[in-house]
PDB file of N, CA and C in Angstrom:
ATOM      1  N   UNK A   1     130.202 118.788 112.175  1.00  0.00           N
ATOM      2  CA  UNK A   1     129.162 117.682 111.785  1.00  0.00           C
ATOM      3  C   UNK A   1     127.723 118.025 111.432  1.00  0.00           C
ATOM      4  N   UNK A   2     127.608 117.811 110.824  1.00  0.00           N
ATOM      5  CA  UNK A   2     126.683 118.238 109.089  1.00  0.00           C
ATOM      6  C   UNK A   2     125.320 117.667 109.625  1.00  0.00           C
ATOM      7  N   UNK A   3     124.125 118.004 110.260  1.00  0.00           N
ATOM      8  CA  UNK A   3     122.491 117.673 110.062  1.00  0.00           C
ATOM      9  C   UNK A   3     121.861 117.560 109.185  1.00  0.00           C
ATOM     10  N   UNK A   4     121.195 116.375 109.275  1.00  0.00           N
ATOM     11  CA  UNK A   4     120.092 115.680 107.824  1.00  0.00           C
ATOM     12  C   UNK A   4     118.736 116.085 108.447  1.00  0.00           C
ATOM     13  N   UNK A   5     117.914 117.094 107.923  1.00  0.00           N
ATOM     14  CA  UNK A   5     116.833 117.213 108.059  1.00  0.00           C
ATOM     15  C   UNK A   5     115.879 115.804 107.685  1.00  0.00           C
ATOM     16  N   UNK A   6     115.600 114.607 108.730  1.00  0.00           N
ATOM     17  CA  UNK A   6     115.424 114.151 108.860  1.00  0.00           C
ATOM     18  C   UNK A   6     113.818 113.954 108.379  1.00  0.00           C
ATOM     19  N   UNK A   7     113.495 114.800 109.000  1.00  0.00           N
ATOM     20  CA  UNK A   7     111.891 115.215 107.622  1.00  0.00           C
ATOM     21  C   UNK A   7     111.314 115.007 106.613  1.00  0.00           C
ATOM     22  N   UNK A   8     112.051 116.031 106.004  1.00  0.00           N
ATOM     23  CA  UNK A   8     112.269 116.090 104.563  1.00  0.00           C
ATOM     24  C   UNK A   8     112.633 115.660 103.800  1.00  0.00           C
ATOM     25  N   UNK A   9     113.697 114.830 104.412  1.00  0.00           N
ATOM     26  CA  UNK A   9     113.375 113.514 104.008  1.00  0.00           C
ATOM     27  C   UNK A   9     112.512 111.964 103.494  1.00  0.00           C
ATOM     28  N   UNK A  10     111.898 111.715 104.800  1.00  0.00           N
ATOM     29  CA  UNK A  10     111.098 111.159 105.246  1.00  0.00           C
ATOM     30  C   UNK A  10     109.802 110.579 104.417  1.00  0.00           C
ATOM     31  N   UNK A  11     109.866 109.481 103.622  1.00  0.00           N
ATOM     32  CA  UNK A  11     108.820 109.235 102.608  1.00  0.00           C
ATOM     33  C   UNK A  11     107.501 109.243 103.435  1.00  0.00           C
ATOM     34  N   UNK A  12     106.743 110.209 101.742  1.00  0.00           N
ATOM     35  CA  UNK A  12     105.150 110.390 102.620  1.00  0.00           C
ATOM     36  C   UNK A  12     104.708 108.860 102.922  1.00  0.00           C
ATOM     37  N   UNK A  13     103.285 109.129 103.067  1.00  0.00           N
ATOM     38  CA  UNK A  13     102.342 107.990 103.456  1.00  0.00           C
ATOM     39  C   UNK A  13     101.794 107.494 103.017  1.00  0.00           C
ATOM     40  N   UNK A  14     101.254 107.270 102.660  1.00  0.00           N
ATOM     41  CA  UNK A  14      99.514 106.983 101.275  1.00  0.00           C
ATOM     42  C   UNK A  14      98.849 105.629 101.938  1.00  0.00           C
ATOM     43  N   UNK A  15      97.725 105.624 100.649  1.00  0.00           N
ATOM     44  CA  UNK A  15      97.005 104.038 101.683  1.00  0.00           C
ATOM     45  C   UNK A  15      96.340 104.318 100.150  1.00  0.00           C
ATOM     46  N   UNK A  16      96.204 103.393  99.506  1.00  0.00           N
ATOM     47  CA  UNK A  16      95.794 102.798  98.958  1.00  0.00           C
ATOM     48  C   UNK A  16      94.256 102.109  99.041  1.00  0.00           C
ATOM     49  N   UNK A  17      93.084 103.577  99.417  1.00  0.00           N
ATOM     50  CA  UNK A  17      91.816 103.581  99.871  1.00  0.00           C
ATOM     51  C   UNK A  17      91.051 102.298  97.984  1.00  0.00           C
ATOM     52  N   UNK A  18      90.017 102.193  99.064  1.00  0.00           N
ATOM     53  CA  UNK A  18      89.478 100.965  97.913  1.00  0.00           C
ATOM     54  C   UNK A  18      87.646 100.741  98.330  1.00  0.00           C
ATOM     55  N   UNK A  19      86.240 101.403  97.326  1.00  0.00           N
ATOM     56  CA  UNK A  19      84.746 102.018  97.227  1.00  0.00           C
ATOM     57  C   UNK A  19      84.329 101.102  97.349  1.00  0.00           C
ATOM     58  N   UNK A  20      83.259 100.339  97.265  1.00  0.00           N
ATOM     59  CA  UNK A  20      82.207 100.030  96.711  1.00  0.00           C
ATOM     60  C   UNK A  20      80.688 100.641  97.215  1.00  0.00           C
ATOM     61  N   UNK A  21      79.838 100.417  97.031  1.00  0.00           N
ATOM     62  CA  UNK A  21      78.817 100.988  96.916  1.00  0.00           C
ATOM     63  C   UNK A  21      78.442 101.390  98.733  1.00  0.00           C
ATOM     64  N   UNK A  22      79.066 100.484  98.974  1.00  0.00           N
ATOM     65  CA  UNK A  22      78.723 100.342 100.422  1.00  0.00           C
ATOM     66  C   UNK A  22      79.536 100.143 101.730  1.00  0.00           C
ATOM     67  N   UNK A  23      80.413  99.649 101.277  1.00  0.00           N
ATOM     68  CA  UNK A  23      81.844 100.330 102.165  1.00  0.00           C
ATOM     69  C   UNK A  23      82.885 100.789 101.088  1.00  0.00           C
ATOM     70  N   UNK A  24      83.984 101.399 102.458  1.00  0.00           N
ATOM     71  CA  UNK A  24      85.606 102.000 101.598  1.00  0.00           C
ATOM     72  C   UNK A  24      86.627 100.794 102.559  1.00  0.00           C
ATOM     73  N   UNK A  25      87.409 100.290 102.739  1.00  0.00           N
ATOM     74  CA  UNK A  25      87.940 100.394 102.729  1.00  0.00           C
ATOM     75  C   UNK A  25      89.715 100.488 102.644  1.00  0.00           C
ATOM     76  N   UNK A  26      91.043  99.555 103.891  1.00  0.00           N
ATOM     77  CA  UNK A  26      92.838 100.070 103.077  1.00  0.00           C
ATOM     78  C   UNK A  26      92.670  98.739 102.950  1.00  0.00           C
ATOM     79  N   UNK A  27      92.666  99.657 101.531  1.00  0.00           N
ATOM     80  CA  UNK A  27      93.487  97.409 101.411  1.00  0.00           C
ATOM     81  C   UNK A  27      95.110  97.602 100.562  1.00  0.00           C
ATOM     82  N   UNK A  28      96.579  98.509 101.495  1.00  0.00           N
ATOM     83  CA  UNK A  28      97.336  99.014 101.003  1.00  0.00           C
ATOM     84  C   UNK A  28      97.815 100.274 101.675  1.00  0.00           C
ATOM     85  N   UNK A  29      99.069  99.571 102.232  1.00  0.00           N
ATOM     86  CA  UNK A  29      99.685 101.414 102.858  1.00  0.00           C
ATOM     87  C   UNK A  29     101.220 101.050 102.436  1.00  0.00           C
ATOM     88  N   UNK A  30     101.881 102.730 102.261  1.00  0.00           N
ATOM     89  CA  UNK A  30     103.292 102.656 100.617  1.00  0.00           C
ATOM     90  C   UNK A  30     103.292 103.934 101.439  1.00  0.00           C
ATOM     91  N   UNK A  31     104.895 103.917 101.191  1.00  0.00           N
ATOM     92  CA  UNK A  31     105.496 104.520 101.270  1.00  0.00           C
ATOM     93  C   UNK A  31     106.130 105.555 100.191  1.00  0.00           C
ATOM     94  N   UNK A  32     106.021 106.477  99.692  1.00  0.00           N
ATOM     95  CA  UNK A  32     106.743 107.844  98.826  1.00  0.00           C
ATOM     96  C   UNK A  32     108.112 107.447  98.849  1.00  0.00           C
ATOM     97  N   UNK A  33     109.169 107.210  98.476  1.00  0.00           N
ATOM     98  CA  UNK A  33     110.506 107.957  97.880  1.00  0.00           C
ATOM     99  C   UNK A  33     110.427 108.974  96.782  1.00  0.00           C
ATOM    100  N   UNK A  34     111.686 109.680  97.021  1.00  0.00           N
ATOM    101  CA  UNK A  34     112.097 111.013  95.635  1.00  0.00           C
ATOM    102  C   UNK A  34     111.790 109.941  94.150  1.00  0.00           C
ATOM    103  N   UNK A  35     112.247 108.933  94.134  1.00  0.00           N
ATOM    104  CA  UNK A  35     112.070 107.581  92.626  1.00  0.00           C
ATOM    105  C   UNK A  35     111.292 106.383  92.744  1.00  0.00           C
ATOM    106  N   UNK A  36     110.730 106.269  93.809  1.00  0.00           N
ATOM    107  CA  UNK A  36     109.534 104.844  93.836  1.00  0.00           C
ATOM    108  C   UNK A  36     108.831 104.948  94.914  1.00  0.00           C
ATOM    109  N   UNK A  37     107.853 103.619  95.422  1.00  0.00           N
ATOM    110  CA  UNK A  37     106.838 103.566  95.695  1.00  0.00           C
ATOM    111  C   UNK A  37     107.107 102.206  96.184  1.00  0.00           C
ATOM    112  N   UNK A  38     107.241 101.914  97.727  1.00  0.00           N
ATOM    113  CA  UNK A  38     107.066 101.070  98.475  1.00  0.00           C
ATOM    114  C   UNK A  38     105.934 100.444  99.323  1.00  0.00           C
ATOM    115  N   UNK A  39     104.894  99.763  98.744  1.00  0.00           N
ATOM    116  CA  UNK A  39     103.895  98.929  98.844  1.00  0.00           C
ATOM    117  C   UNK A  39     102.773  97.988  99.471  1.00  0.00           C
ATOM    118  N   UNK A  40     102.581  97.587  99.966  1.00  0.00           N
ATOM    119  CA  UNK A  40     102.207  96.529 101.370  1.00  0.00           C
ATOM    120  C   UNK A  40     100.867  96.282 101.572  1.00  0.00           C
ATOM    121  N   UNK A  41      99.807  95.049 100.736  1.00  0.00           N
ATOM    122  CA  UNK A  41      99.229  94.971 101.112  1.00  0.00           C
ATOM    123  C   UNK A  41      98.138  95.012 103.023  1.00  0.00           C
ATOM    124  N   UNK A  42      97.394  95.703 103.484  1.00  0.00           N
ATOM    125  CA  UNK A  42      96.456  95.476 104.249  1.00  0.00           C
ATOM    126  C   UNK A  42      96.877  93.525 105.022  1.00  0.00           C
ATOM    127  N   UNK A  43      96.054  92.905 104.549  1.00  0.00           N
ATOM    128  CA  UNK A  43      95.727  91.335 104.264  1.00  0.00           C
ATOM    129  C   UNK A  43      97.408  91.047 104.575  1.00  0.00           C
ATOM    130  N   UNK A  44      98.812  91.374 103.552  1.00  0.00           N
ATOM    131  CA  UNK A  44      99.497  91.240 104.696  1.00  0.00           C
ATOM    132  C   UNK A  44     100.679  89.952 103.576  1.00  0.00           C
ATOM    133  N   UNK A  45      99.061  89.651 101.956  1.00  0.00           N
ATOM    134  CA  UNK A  45      99.865  88.497 101.274  1.00  0.00           C
ATOM    135  C   UNK A  45     100.605  89.852 100.453  1.00  0.00           C
ATOM    136  N   UNK A  46     101.317  90.831 100.646  1.00  0.00           N
ATOM    137  CA  UNK A  46     101.310  91.497  98.939  1.00  0.00           C
ATOM    138  C   UNK A  46     102.185  92.536  99.399  1.00  0.00           C
ATOM    139  N   UNK A  47     103.280  92.622  98.359  1.00  0.00           N
ATOM    140  CA  UNK A  47     104.878  93.465  98.875  1.00  0.00           C
ATOM    141  C   UNK A  47     105.498  94.200  97.363  1.00  0.00           C
ATOM    142  N   UNK A  48     105.077  95.003  96.953  1.00  0.00           N
ATOM    143  CA  UNK A  48     105.626  95.516  95.525  1.00  0.00           C
ATOM    144  C   UNK A  48     106.571  96.768  95.590  1.00  0.00           C
ATOM    145  N   UNK A  49     107.244  96.764  94.802  1.00  0.00           N
ATOM    146  CA  UNK A  49     107.505  98.068  94.452  1.00  0.00           C
ATOM    147  C   UNK A  49     107.729  98.802  93.086  1.00  0.00           C
ATOM    148  N   UNK A  50     106.458 100.281  93.727  1.00  0.00           N
ATOM    149  CA  UNK A  50     106.905 100.868  92.064  1.00  0.00           C
ATOM    150  C   UNK A  50     106.968 102.026  91.833  1.00  0.00           C
ATOM    151  N   UNK A  51     107.038 102.708  90.328  1.00  0.00           N
ATOM    152  CA  UNK A  51     108.262 103.510  90.213  1.00  0.00           C
ATOM    153  C   UNK A  51     107.339 104.682  90.284  1.00  0.00           C
ATOM    154  N   UNK A  52     105.540 104.588  90.868  1.00  0.00           N
ATOM    155  CA  UNK A  52     104.978 105.897  92.035  1.00  0.00           C
ATOM    156  C   UNK A  52     104.201 105.801  92.904  1.00  0.00           C
ATOM    157  N   UNK A  53     103.513 105.593  93.205  1.00  0.00           N
ATOM    158  CA  UNK A  53     102.101 105.238  93.796  1.00  0.00           C
ATOM    159  C   UNK A  53     101.328 105.772  93.340  1.00  0.00           C
ATOM    160  N   UNK A  54     100.388 106.628  92.495  1.00  0.00           N
ATOM    161  CA  UNK A  54      99.579 105.984  91.079  1.00  0.00           C
ATOM    162  C   UNK A  54      99.873 104.965  90.171  1.00  0.00           C
ATOM    163  N   UNK A  55     101.221 104.439  89.845  1.00  0.00           N
ATOM    164  CA  UNK A  55     101.200 102.684  89.481  1.00  0.00           C
ATOM    165  C   UNK A  55     100.853 101.899  90.642  1.00  0.00           C
ATOM    166  N   UNK A  56     100.755 101.864  91.294  1.00  0.00           N
ATOM    167  CA  UNK A  56      99.894 100.500  92.551  1.00  0.00           C
ATOM    168  C   UNK A  56      99.252 100.686  92.125  1.00  0.00           C
ATOM    169  N   UNK A  57      98.339 101.309  91.888  1.00  0.00           N
ATOM    170  CA  UNK A  57      96.933 101.046  92.071  1.00  0.00           C
ATOM    171  C   UNK A  57      96.020 100.457  91.744  1.00  0.00           C
ATOM    172  N   UNK A  58      96.919 100.289  89.704  1.00  0.00           N
ATOM    173  CA  UNK A  58      96.298  98.993  88.478  1.00  0.00           C
ATOM    174  C   UNK A  58      96.041  97.427  89.260  1.00  0.00           C
ATOM    175  N   UNK A  59      97.866  98.279  90.039  1.00  0.00           N
ATOM    176  CA  UNK A  59      97.596  95.908  90.788  1.00  0.00           C
ATOM    177  C   UNK A  59      96.296  95.494  91.866  1.00  0.00           C
ATOM    178  N   UNK A  60      95.876  96.802  92.392  1.00  0.00           N
ATOM    179  CA  UNK A  60      94.039  97.088  93.143  1.00  0.00           C
ATOM    180  C   UNK A  60      92.902  96.980  92.525  1.00  0.00           C
ATOM    181  N   UNK A  61      93.287  96.538  91.424  1.00  0.00           N
ATOM    182  CA  UNK A  61      91.506  97.432  90.701  1.00  0.00           C
ATOM    183  C   UNK A  61      91.307  95.674  90.527  1.00  0.00           C
ATOM    184  N   UNK A  62      89.406  96.317  90.753  1.00  0.00           N
ATOM    185  CA  UNK A  62      88.531  94.797  90.956  1.00  0.00           C
ATOM    186  C   UNK A  62      87.476  94.790  90.267  1.00  0.00           C
ATOM    187  N   UNK A  63      87.678  95.771  89.243  1.00  0.00           N
ATOM    188  CA  UNK A  63      86.909  95.588  88.056  1.00  0.00           C
ATOM    189  C   UNK A  63      86.358  96.826  88.183  1.00  0.00           C
ATOM    190  N   UNK A  64      84.497  97.167  87.834  1.00  0.00           N
ATOM    191  CA  UNK A  64      83.989  99.264  88.267  1.00  0.00           C
ATOM    192  C   UNK A  64      83.129  98.872  88.565  1.00  0.00           C
ATOM    193  N   UNK A  65      83.044  97.290  90.189  1.00  0.00           N
ATOM    194  CA  UNK A  65      82.258  98.035  91.177  1.00  0.00           C
ATOM    195  C   UNK A  65      83.028  98.568  92.292  1.00  0.00           C
ATOM    196  N   UNK A  66      83.761  98.237  92.321  1.00  0.00           N
ATOM    197  CA  UNK A  66      85.333  99.486  93.581  1.00  0.00           C
ATOM    198  C   UNK A  66      85.780  99.029  92.425  1.00  0.00           C
ATOM    199  N   UNK A  67      86.044 100.969  93.418  1.00  0.00           N
ATOM    200  CA  UNK A  67      86.883 101.792  92.660  1.00  0.00           C
ATOM    201  C   UNK A  67      88.011 101.570  94.012  1.00  0.00           C
ATOM    202  N   UNK A  68      88.885 102.578  93.574  1.00  0.00           N
ATOM    203  CA  UNK A  68      90.685 102.521  94.012  1.00  0.00           C
ATOM    204  C   UNK A  68      90.529 103.735  93.806  1.00  0.00           C
ATOM    205  N   UNK A  69      92.123 104.948  94.727  1.00  0.00           N
ATOM    206  CA  UNK A  69      92.220 106.174  95.568  1.00  0.00           C
ATOM    207  C   UNK A  69      93.725 106.015  95.899  1.00  0.00           C
ATOM    208  N   UNK A  70      93.842 106.522  96.017  1.00  0.00           N
ATOM    209  CA  UNK A  70      95.342 107.463  96.417  1.00  0.00           C
ATOM    210  C   UNK A  70      95.027 107.938  97.567  1.00  0.00           C
ATOM    211  N   UNK A  71      95.232 107.715  98.637  1.00  0.00           N
ATOM    212  CA  UNK A  71      94.922 108.997  99.211  1.00  0.00           C
ATOM    213  C   UNK A  71      96.237 109.761 100.602  1.00  0.00           C
ATOM    214  N   UNK A  72      96.401 110.671 100.947  1.00  0.00           N
ATOM    215  CA  UNK A  72      98.078 111.051 101.203  1.00  0.00           C
ATOM    216  C   UNK A  72      97.319 110.912 102.944  1.00  0.00           C
ATOM    217  N   UNK A  73      98.763 110.374 103.214  1.00  0.00           N
ATOM    218  CA  UNK A  73      97.744 110.400 105.393  1.00  0.00           C
ATOM    219  C   UNK A  73      97.992 111.886 105.912  1.00  0.00           C
ATOM    220  N   UNK A  74      99.356 112.649 104.983  1.00  0.00           N
ATOM    221  CA  UNK A  74      99.459 113.877 105.691  1.00  0.00           C
ATOM    222  C   UNK A  74     100.000 114.733 103.612  1.00  0.00           C
ATOM    223  N   UNK A  75      99.188 115.792 104.461  1.00  0.00           N
ATOM    224  CA  UNK A  75      99.701 116.571 102.181  1.00  0.00           C
ATOM    225  C   UNK A  75     101.621 116.777 102.369  1.00  0.00           C
ATOM    226  N   UNK A  76     101.539 116.627 101.093  1.00  0.00           N
ATOM    227  CA  UNK A  76     103.172 116.943 100.761  1.00  0.00           C
ATOM    228  C   UNK A  76     103.768 118.468 101.739  1.00  0.00           C
ATOM    229  N   UNK A  77     104.395 117.783 101.877  1.00  0.00           N
ATOM    230  CA  UNK A  77     105.472 119.419 102.593  1.00  0.00           C
ATOM    231  C   UNK A  77     106.826 119.341 101.300  1.00  0.00           C
ATOM    232  N   UNK A  78     106.698 120.543 101.191  1.00  0.00           N
ATOM    233  CA  UNK A  78     107.662 120.845  99.790  1.00  0.00           C
ATOM    234  C   UNK A  78     108.585 120.582 100.390  1.00  0.00           C
ATOM    235  N   UNK A  79     109.396 119.730  99.639  1.00  0.00           N
ATOM    236  CA  UNK A  79     110.990 118.687  99.199  1.00  0.00           C
ATOM    237  C   UNK A  79     112.267 120.092  99.315  1.00  0.00           C
ATOM    238  N   UNK A  80     112.962 120.359  99.603  1.00  0.00           N
ATOM    239  CA  UNK A  80     114.295 121.866  99.451  1.00  0.00           C
ATOM    240  C   UNK A  80     116.111 120.594  99.543  1.00  0.00           C
ATOM    241  N   UNK A  81     116.800 121.399 100.892  1.00  0.00           N
ATOM    242  CA  UNK A  81     117.507 120.953 100.885  1.00  0.00           C
ATOM    243  C   UNK A  81     117.302 120.319 102.413  1.00  0.00           C
ATOM    244  N   UNK A  82     118.533 118.752 102.016  1.00  0.00           N
ATOM    245  CA  UNK A  82     117.809 118.063 103.465  1.00  0.00           C
ATOM    246  C   UNK A  82     119.405 118.474 104.411  1.00  0.00           C
ATOM    247  N   UNK A  83     120.162 119.334 103.847  1.00  0.00           N
ATOM    248  CA  UNK A  83     121.318 119.304 105.341  1.00  0.00           C
ATOM    249  C   UNK A  83     121.138 120.540 105.574  1.00  0.00           C
ATOM    250  N   UNK A  84     121.372 120.623 106.838  1.00  0.00           N
ATOM    251  CA  UNK A  84     121.250 122.162 107.917  1.00  0.00           C
ATOM    252  C   UNK A  84     122.199 122.852 107.603  1.00  0.00           C
TER     253      UNK A  84
END
């Protein structure tokens, strides 16, 4: 039986964080896979699939008064072979 390194294959979790002069909040959660990202807003009214986590940020643009950034929940692990 061949084992699969589930930790190494797991998607990377990230947050889309927004900030204005008074507050900051999480606008969405996402999972980054090797070839795409899946993102869901915290309000529950938006789900999307994008080419990368960074490309999802434009959908949360709210103008000059709100800054939007990507924050990784856990720093990326080096990827290698997923077979044990």
